[in-house]
Amino acid sequence: MLDAASYSLAGFRRLTMETAVRQELAGGVLGLVLLIWLQVSLMQVLGFFVLFCVLLATESLNTAIEVLTDHVSPEWSEAAKHAKDLGSLAVALLLVSNLSYVAVVAAMALLG
């Protein structure tokens, strides 16, 4: 388990080298602060936390796809482009999901 934890930590360190991930982490902190400021329920905060973890997991897989694709196919290829575009779509969909969740929970809290 210690080895697995060290591999995961190394993966997180690698992931944070990505500008998009640093922006997502900042957005996640802002979302969390907003939800806490609005005094939403613990379950709503937990829902945001879980959804945000899914975003980071998907971003991790997308980065892994990009790294492997660049290694296997250093020259431009249609297949590599499709793989990267699909990974990007997965991340974009989860960004929309996270933003939508925060917006709906915030609106419910503000409207009572």
Protein backbone atom coordinates (compact mmCIF):
# COMPACT_ATOMS: atom_id res chain seq x y z
CA MET A 1 0.00 0.00 0.00
CA LEU A 2 2.89 2.33 0.70
CA ASP A 3 4.24 1.79 -2.81
CA ALA A 4 0.82 2.44 -4.33
CA ALA A 5 0.48 5.64 -2.31
CA SER A 6 3.91 6.83 -3.45
CA TYR A 7 3.00 6.13 -7.09
CA SER A 8 -0.23 8.08 -6.66
CA LEU A 9 1.63 10.99 -5.09
CA ALA A 10 4.11 10.96 -7.96
CA GLY A 11 1.18 10.98 -10.37
CA PHE A 12 -0.36 13.95 -8.58
CA ARG A 13 2.95 15.82 -8.73
CA ARG A 14 3.16 15.11 -12.47
CA LEU A 15 -0.45 16.14 -12.97
CA THR A 16 0.10 19.50 -11.27
CA MET A 17 2.71 20.31 -13.90
CA GLU A 18 -0.24 20.85 -16.26
CA THR A 19 -1.49 24.46 -16.38
CA ALA A 20 -5.09 23.32 -16.83
CA VAL A 21 -4.92 21.27 -13.63
CA ARG A 22 -3.57 24.19 -11.62
CA GLN A 23 -6.47 26.27 -12.95
CA GLU A 24 -8.93 23.50 -12.09
CA LEU A 25 -7.52 23.24 -8.56
CA ALA A 26 -7.92 27.01 -8.12
CA GLY A 27 -11.49 26.77 -9.43
CA GLY A 28 -12.19 23.88 -7.09
CA VAL A 29 -10.99 25.88 -4.10
CA LEU A 30 -13.15 28.84 -5.19
CA GLY A 31 -16.16 26.56 -5.61
CA LEU A 32 -15.62 25.04 -2.19
CA VAL A 33 -15.20 28.46 -0.56
CA LEU A 34 -18.40 29.67 -2.25
CA LEU A 35 -20.38 26.65 -1.07
CA ILE A 36 -19.09 27.01 2.49
CA TRP A 37 -19.79 30.78 2.45
CA LEU A 38 -23.35 30.04 1.33
CA GLN A 39 -23.63 27.53 4.19
CA VAL A 40 -24.94 24.72 2.01
CA SER A 41 -25.42 21.26 3.49
CA LEU A 42 -22.58 18.87 4.14
CA MET A 43 -24.08 16.50 1.56
CA GLN A 44 -23.95 19.25 -1.09
CA VAL A 45 -20.30 19.96 -0.25
CA LEU A 46 -19.60 16.22 -0.39
CA GLY A 47 -21.34 16.04 -3.78
CA PHE A 48 -19.08 18.80 -5.08
CA PHE A 49 -15.99 17.09 -3.63
CA VAL A 50 -16.84 13.78 -5.32
CA LEU A 51 -17.60 15.45 -8.65
CA PHE A 52 -14.36 17.43 -8.43
CA CYS A 53 -12.39 14.23 -7.70
CA VAL A 54 -13.94 12.68 -10.82
CA LEU A 55 -12.78 15.75 -12.78
CA LEU A 56 -9.20 15.32 -11.52
CA ALA A 57 -9.30 11.58 -12.22
CA THR A 58 -10.49 12.25 -15.77
CA GLU A 59 -7.82 14.94 -16.20
CA SER A 60 -5.25 12.37 -15.02
CA LEU A 61 -6.42 9.85 -17.60
CA ASN A 62 -6.47 12.53 -20.30
CA THR A 63 -2.88 13.51 -19.45
CA ALA A 64 -1.84 9.85 -19.51
CA ILE A 65 -3.42 9.47 -22.97
CA GLU A 66 -1.56 12.55 -24.20
CA VAL A 67 1.79 11.37 -22.79
CA LEU A 68 1.43 7.89 -24.30
CA THR A 69 0.14 9.23 -27.61
CA ASP A 70 3.10 11.61 -27.91
CA HIS A 71 5.47 8.74 -27.12
CA VAL A 72 3.93 6.22 -29.51
CA SER A 73 3.14 8.68 -32.29
CA PRO A 74 5.64 11.57 -32.18
CA GLU A 75 4.60 12.74 -35.65
CA TRP A 76 1.12 14.08 -36.34
CA SER A 77 -1.48 11.39 -36.98
CA GLU A 78 -5.25 11.36 -37.29
CA ALA A 79 -5.57 8.62 -34.66
CA ALA A 80 -3.44 10.58 -32.17
CA LYS A 81 -5.53 13.69 -32.79
CA HIS A 82 -8.76 11.76 -32.18
CA ALA A 83 -7.40 10.23 -28.95
CA LYS A 84 -6.37 13.64 -27.62
CA ASP A 85 -9.61 15.32 -28.72
CA LEU A 86 -11.73 12.65 -27.02
CA GLY A 87 -9.76 12.97 -23.78
CA SER A 88 -10.20 16.73 -23.95
CA LEU A 89 -13.95 16.30 -24.46
CA ALA A 90 -14.20 14.11 -21.36
CA VAL A 91 -12.50 16.81 -19.28
CA ALA A 92 -14.66 19.57 -20.79
CA LEU A 93 -17.85 17.66 -19.99
CA LEU A 94 -16.80 17.27 -16.37
CA LEU A 95 -15.89 20.95 -16.15
CA VAL A 96 -19.41 21.78 -17.33
CA SER A 97 -20.81 19.30 -14.79
CA ASN A 98 -18.80 20.85 -11.93
CA LEU A 99 -19.77 24.40 -12.88
CA SER A 100 -23.41 23.43 -13.31
CA TYR A 101 -23.49 21.71 -9.93
CA VAL A 102 -22.02 24.73 -8.13
CA ALA A 103 -24.34 27.11 -9.99
CA VAL A 104 -27.47 25.10 -9.13
CA VAL A 105 -26.51 24.57 -5.48
CA ALA A 106 -25.59 28.27 -5.12
CA ALA A 107 -28.84 29.38 -6.75
CA MET A 108 -30.86 27.11 -4.45
CA ALA A 109 -29.03 28.50 -1.42
CA LEU A 110 -29.55 32.11 -2.50
CA LEU A 111 -33.20 31.67 -3.43
CA GLY A 112 -33.91 29.78 -0.24
